[in-house]
Amino acid sequence: MKAYLSRRYHFSASHRLHSDAFDERRNREVYGKCNNPHGHGHNYTVQVTFSGQVDPVAGMVCNLGDLDAFAKKNLLDRFDQTNLNTLACFANRVSTTENLSIEAHRIFAGFPMARLERVHVEETSNNSFDYAGGTTPGAGAL
């Protein structure tokens, strides 16, 4: 019997939206106040959804303690109270929440005890982003 499990994690981080492919004027046009040289911060919520067979003995898709330990080591310890722009995963990518969603998916795809279905990241009460894997989107024309 297949079931789905969703779990939420919270962390605070700062970033500056800026692309080296744009000049200063174009960066301000594209990213607006999010291009502030001093950056800005968010309280992010990352929701991961896994699927798997319900263990007939434990009655769970996976052990939540195992998932929480994985999230702490691989997501929270790495991203909480951090400037995202300083992380290696954003060395060649703009630290947008779309790219954060892709990175969170890459991280949680490594959890071995259930199949990752999707990642949902809330940046603000108005902005949220989903990524379910597959082909990483290419650069769009802005």
Protein backbone atom coordinates (compact mmCIF):
# COMPACT_ATOMS: atom_id res chain seq x y z
CA MET A 1 0.00 0.00 0.00
CA LYS A 2 1.56 3.28 -1.18
CA ALA A 3 1.15 6.42 0.91
CA TYR A 4 2.50 9.96 0.88
CA LEU A 5 4.27 11.77 3.70
CA SER A 6 4.88 15.52 3.80
CA ARG A 7 7.13 17.17 6.35
CA ARG A 8 8.00 20.86 6.87
CA TYR A 9 11.30 22.40 7.90
CA HIS A 10 12.03 26.04 8.72
CA PHE A 11 15.17 28.11 8.46
CA SER A 12 16.21 31.75 8.15
CA ALA A 13 18.69 32.91 5.55
CA SER A 14 19.69 36.00 3.62
CA HIS A 15 20.58 36.50 -0.03
CA ARG A 16 21.05 39.05 -2.75
CA LEU A 17 19.55 38.47 -6.17
CA HIS A 18 22.23 39.43 -8.65
CA SER A 19 23.42 37.95 -11.94
CA ASP A 20 26.93 38.49 -13.26
CA ALA A 21 25.41 38.16 -16.74
CA PHE A 22 23.62 41.51 -16.22
CA ASP A 23 25.11 44.94 -15.75
CA GLU A 24 24.17 46.92 -12.61
CA ARG A 25 21.26 48.67 -14.33
CA ARG A 26 19.77 45.42 -15.65
CA ASN A 27 20.18 43.75 -12.24
CA ARG A 28 18.18 46.58 -10.63
CA GLU A 29 15.51 46.30 -13.35
CA VAL A 30 15.16 42.52 -13.04
CA TYR A 31 15.53 42.07 -9.26
CA GLY A 32 14.39 45.45 -7.92
CA LYS A 33 14.88 45.87 -4.18
CA CYS A 34 16.06 42.25 -3.96
CA ASN A 35 19.29 43.43 -5.67
CA ASN A 36 20.21 45.53 -2.61
CA PRO A 37 24.00 45.16 -2.20
CA HIS A 38 23.49 44.42 1.51
CA GLY A 39 21.02 41.63 0.77
CA HIS A 40 17.82 40.80 2.62
CA GLY A 41 16.47 37.84 4.54
CA HIS A 42 13.59 35.40 4.64
CA ASN A 43 12.12 32.84 6.99
CA TYR A 44 11.88 29.91 4.59
CA THR A 45 9.63 26.89 4.91
CA VAL A 46 10.66 23.80 2.97
CA GLN A 47 8.04 21.08 2.62
CA VAL A 48 9.14 17.74 1.25
CA THR A 49 6.74 15.06 0.07
CA PHE A 50 7.82 11.43 -0.05
CA SER A 51 6.03 8.29 -1.13
CA GLY A 52 6.52 4.67 -0.28
CA GLN A 53 4.95 1.50 0.88
CA VAL A 54 3.51 1.58 4.37
CA ASP A 55 5.60 -0.74 6.49
CA PRO A 56 3.20 -3.41 7.78
CA VAL A 57 4.87 -3.53 11.20
CA ALA A 58 5.71 0.14 11.86
CA GLY A 59 2.73 1.50 9.91
CA MET A 60 4.81 4.31 8.38
CA VAL A 61 6.26 5.30 5.01
CA CYS A 62 9.53 6.06 6.80
CA ASN A 63 10.77 6.83 10.26
CA LEU A 64 10.31 10.56 10.95
CA GLY A 65 13.32 10.58 13.23
CA ASP A 66 15.49 9.38 10.35
CA LEU A 67 14.02 12.01 8.03
CA ASP A 68 14.47 14.78 10.61
CA ALA A 69 18.09 13.78 11.23
CA PHE A 70 18.72 13.80 7.47
CA ALA A 71 17.10 17.25 7.14
CA LYS A 72 19.09 18.66 10.05
CA LYS A 73 22.42 17.45 8.69
CA ASN A 74 21.86 18.18 5.01
CA LEU A 75 19.52 21.19 4.95
CA LEU A 76 19.18 23.01 8.25
CA ASP A 77 22.81 22.89 9.42
CA ARG A 78 23.88 24.10 6.00
CA PHE A 79 21.31 26.84 5.26
CA ASP A 80 20.01 28.21 8.57
CA GLN A 81 21.41 31.64 9.52
CA THR A 82 23.46 31.73 6.31
CA ASN A 83 23.92 34.11 3.42
CA LEU A 84 22.89 31.84 0.53
CA ASN A 85 25.22 33.69 -1.85
CA THR A 86 28.23 32.35 0.07
CA LEU A 87 27.33 28.69 -0.50
CA ALA A 88 28.99 26.60 -3.19
CA CYS A 89 25.63 25.57 -4.65
CA PHE A 90 25.00 29.21 -5.60
CA ALA A 91 28.50 29.98 -6.88
CA ASN A 92 27.25 29.81 -10.47
CA ARG A 93 23.50 30.29 -9.92
CA VAL A 94 21.43 33.21 -8.71
CA SER A 95 20.14 32.47 -5.20
CA THR A 96 16.47 32.70 -6.20
CA THR A 97 13.97 30.56 -4.37
CA GLU A 98 13.40 28.66 -7.61
CA ASN A 99 17.06 27.61 -7.48
CA LEU A 100 16.77 26.95 -3.75
CA SER A 101 13.87 24.60 -4.53
CA ILE A 102 16.02 22.72 -7.04
CA GLU A 103 18.86 22.46 -4.52
CA ALA A 104 16.51 21.24 -1.77
CA HIS A 105 15.20 18.61 -4.20
CA ARG A 106 18.76 17.49 -4.96
CA ILE A 107 19.44 17.19 -1.23
CA PHE A 108 16.30 15.26 -0.31
CA ALA A 109 16.57 12.98 -3.35
CA GLY A 110 19.47 11.48 -1.41
CA PHE A 111 17.22 10.34 1.45
CA PRO A 112 17.31 6.56 1.02
CA MET A 113 14.23 5.44 2.93
CA ALA A 114 11.42 6.77 0.69
CA ARG A 115 10.92 8.20 -2.79
CA LEU A 116 11.00 11.99 -3.04
CA GLU A 117 7.97 13.28 -4.95
CA ARG A 118 8.39 17.04 -4.72
CA VAL A 119 9.75 20.00 -2.78
CA HIS A 120 7.68 23.08 -1.94
CA VAL A 121 9.50 26.18 -0.66
CA GLU A 122 7.72 29.18 0.83
CA GLU A 123 9.74 32.37 0.75
CA THR A 124 6.98 34.74 1.92
CA SER A 125 3.25 34.48 2.47
CA ASN A 126 2.87 35.54 -1.19
CA ASN A 127 5.68 33.56 -2.85
CA SER A 128 6.12 29.81 -2.98
CA PHE A 129 7.89 27.52 -5.41
CA ASP A 130 7.62 23.84 -6.28
CA TYR A 131 10.08 21.49 -7.90
CA ALA A 132 9.42 17.84 -8.67
CA GLY A 133 12.66 16.91 -10.40
CA GLY A 134 13.33 16.19 -14.00
CA THR A 135 15.06 18.56 -16.33
CA THR A 136 16.52 21.59 -14.64
CA PRO A 137 15.07 24.67 -16.34
CA GLY A 138 17.41 26.63 -18.60
CA ALA A 139 18.01 30.34 -18.62
CA GLY A 140 14.96 32.32 -19.63
CA ALA A 141 14.86 35.56 -21.52
CA LEU A 142 14.24 38.35 -19.04
